[in-house]
Amino acid sequence: MLANSQMKEGRFLKLAKGRKLYRRMNECWDRGGLVRIGTATRYSDFQAKHRERIKLGASGSLYMSLRGTRFDCIDFCTFRFTA
């Protein structure tokens, strides 16, 4: 068993940040807002009806599907919320 001093610092930080961002997206959609996700080449606007296109992975990474069943990691994208 590990003591607190032996644990890695920020061990669950990525998971906590991913949950916080996912929760913020859902709160924005619940208020009738729009989430804009920007990659290096394009922006995509998501409304509440597109909620199933975004999912949170077990490690805290966010994934987005634009077409079909393929999900791409969006950890390094920009996020804008409008309510």
C-alpha atoms as a PDB file:
ATOM      1  CA  MET A   1       0.000   0.000   0.000  1.00  0.00           C
ATOM      2  CA  LEU A   2       1.238   3.473  -0.859  1.00  0.00           C
ATOM      3  CA  ALA A   3       1.538   6.290   1.601  1.00  0.00           C
ATOM      4  CA  ASN A   4       0.332   9.744   0.576  1.00  0.00           C
ATOM      5  CA  SER A   5       3.920  10.939   0.192  1.00  0.00           C
ATOM      6  CA  GLN A   6       4.623   8.162  -2.356  1.00  0.00           C
ATOM      7  CA  MET A   7       1.696   8.952  -4.659  1.00  0.00           C
ATOM      8  CA  LYS A   8       2.193  10.805  -7.899  1.00  0.00           C
ATOM      9  CA  GLU A   9       1.256  14.449  -7.746  1.00  0.00           C
ATOM     10  CA  GLY A  10      -1.717  15.261  -9.957  1.00  0.00           C
ATOM     11  CA  ARG A  11      -2.483  11.583 -10.426  1.00  0.00           C
ATOM     12  CA  PHE A  12      -6.190  12.118 -11.114  1.00  0.00           C
ATOM     13  CA  LEU A  13      -5.873  15.662 -12.464  1.00  0.00           C
ATOM     14  CA  LYS A  14      -6.683  14.755 -16.076  1.00  0.00           C
ATOM     15  CA  LEU A  15      -9.793  12.858 -14.997  1.00  0.00           C
ATOM     16  CA  ALA A  16     -10.954  15.751 -12.811  1.00  0.00           C
ATOM     17  CA  LYS A  17     -10.417  18.286 -15.623  1.00  0.00           C
ATOM     18  CA  GLY A  18     -12.243  16.091 -18.136  1.00  0.00           C
ATOM     19  CA  ARG A  19     -15.218  15.642 -15.811  1.00  0.00           C
ATOM     20  CA  LYS A  20     -15.345  19.376 -15.117  1.00  0.00           C
ATOM     21  CA  LEU A  21     -15.328  20.261 -18.836  1.00  0.00           C
ATOM     22  CA  TYR A  22     -17.933  17.589 -19.653  1.00  0.00           C
ATOM     23  CA  ARG A  23     -20.150  18.843 -16.824  1.00  0.00           C
ATOM     24  CA  ARG A  24     -19.791  22.419 -18.096  1.00  0.00           C
ATOM     25  CA  MET A  25     -20.812  21.334 -21.589  1.00  0.00           C
ATOM     26  CA  ASN A  26     -23.922  19.591 -20.263  1.00  0.00           C
ATOM     27  CA  GLU A  27     -24.851  22.613 -18.119  1.00  0.00           C
ATOM     28  CA  CYS A  28     -24.554  24.852 -21.174  1.00  0.00           C
ATOM     29  CA  TRP A  29     -26.805  22.541 -23.194  1.00  0.00           C
ATOM     30  CA  ASP A  30     -29.327  22.329 -20.348  1.00  0.00           C
ATOM     31  CA  ARG A  31     -29.626  26.127 -20.453  1.00  0.00           C
ATOM     32  CA  GLY A  32     -30.251  25.992 -24.218  1.00  0.00           C
ATOM     33  CA  GLY A  33     -26.748  27.103 -25.138  1.00  0.00           C
ATOM     34  CA  LEU A  34     -24.263  26.188 -27.816  1.00  0.00           C
ATOM     35  CA  VAL A  35     -20.817  24.599 -27.452  1.00  0.00           C
ATOM     36  CA  ARG A  36     -18.248  25.464 -30.131  1.00  0.00           C
ATOM     37  CA  ILE A  37     -15.300  23.084 -30.411  1.00  0.00           C
ATOM     38  CA  GLY A  38     -12.332  24.260 -32.441  1.00  0.00           C
ATOM     39  CA  THR A  39      -9.646  22.042 -33.903  1.00  0.00           C
ATOM     40  CA  ALA A  40      -6.599  23.159 -35.863  1.00  0.00           C
ATOM     41  CA  THR A  41      -8.574  23.369 -39.108  1.00  0.00           C
ATOM     42  CA  ARG A  42     -12.240  23.965 -38.273  1.00  0.00           C
ATOM     43  CA  TYR A  43     -14.891  24.826 -35.713  1.00  0.00           C
ATOM     44  CA  SER A  44     -17.939  22.683 -35.028  1.00  0.00           C
ATOM     45  CA  ASP A  45     -21.035  23.901 -33.207  1.00  0.00           C
ATOM     46  CA  PHE A  46     -22.887  21.452 -30.997  1.00  0.00           C
ATOM     47  CA  GLN A  47     -26.357  21.907 -29.578  1.00  0.00           C
ATOM     48  CA  ALA A  48     -28.170  19.775 -27.014  1.00  0.00           C
ATOM     49  CA  LYS A  49     -29.421  17.442 -29.755  1.00  0.00           C
ATOM     50  CA  HIS A  50     -25.781  16.526 -30.519  1.00  0.00           C
ATOM     51  CA  ARG A  51     -25.072  15.477 -26.942  1.00  0.00           C
ATOM     52  CA  GLU A  52     -24.454  11.829 -27.896  1.00  0.00           C
ATOM     53  CA  ARG A  53     -21.582  12.856 -30.185  1.00  0.00           C
ATOM     54  CA  ILE A  54     -19.418  13.818 -27.198  1.00  0.00           C
ATOM     55  CA  LYS A  55     -18.274  11.275 -24.635  1.00  0.00           C
ATOM     56  CA  LEU A  56     -15.927  11.165 -21.671  1.00  0.00           C
ATOM     57  CA  GLY A  57     -13.341   8.389 -21.608  1.00  0.00           C
ATOM     58  CA  ALA A  58     -12.237   6.477 -18.533  1.00  0.00           C
ATOM     59  CA  SER A  59      -8.942   8.384 -18.331  1.00  0.00           C
ATOM     60  CA  GLY A  60     -10.653  11.790 -18.512  1.00  0.00           C
ATOM     61  CA  SER A  61     -10.155  12.394 -22.211  1.00  0.00           C
ATOM     62  CA  LEU A  62     -13.027  13.824 -24.227  1.00  0.00           C
ATOM     63  CA  TYR A  63     -13.978  12.269 -27.552  1.00  0.00           C
ATOM     64  CA  MET A  64     -16.066  13.668 -30.410  1.00  0.00           C
ATOM     65  CA  SER A  65     -17.733  11.934 -33.338  1.00  0.00           C
ATOM     66  CA  LEU A  66     -18.517  13.972 -36.440  1.00  0.00           C
ATOM     67  CA  ARG A  67     -19.638  11.097 -38.626  1.00  0.00           C
ATOM     68  CA  GLY A  68     -20.337   7.441 -38.083  1.00  0.00           C
ATOM     69  CA  THR A  69     -19.142   5.620 -34.989  1.00  0.00           C
ATOM     70  CA  ARG A  70     -15.512   6.787 -35.013  1.00  0.00           C
ATOM     71  CA  PHE A  71     -14.575   8.979 -32.045  1.00  0.00           C
ATOM     72  CA  ASP A  72     -11.595  11.357 -32.129  1.00  0.00           C
ATOM     73  CA  CYS A  73      -9.818  12.730 -29.073  1.00  0.00           C
ATOM     74  CA  ILE A  74     -10.469  16.447 -28.485  1.00  0.00           C
ATOM     75  CA  ASP A  75      -8.209  17.060 -25.488  1.00  0.00           C
ATOM     76  CA  PHE A  76      -6.220  19.790 -27.224  1.00  0.00           C
ATOM     77  CA  CYS A  77      -9.124  21.613 -28.857  1.00  0.00           C
ATOM     78  CA  THR A  78     -10.551  24.970 -27.855  1.00  0.00           C
ATOM     79  CA  PHE A  79     -13.990  25.204 -26.274  1.00  0.00           C
ATOM     80  CA  ARG A  80     -16.395  28.144 -26.272  1.00  0.00           C
ATOM     81  CA  PHE A  81     -19.714  28.225 -24.478  1.00  0.00           C
ATOM     82  CA  THR A  82     -22.624  30.488 -25.344  1.00  0.00           C
ATOM     83  CA  ALA A  83     -25.870  30.441 -23.418  1.00  0.00           C
END
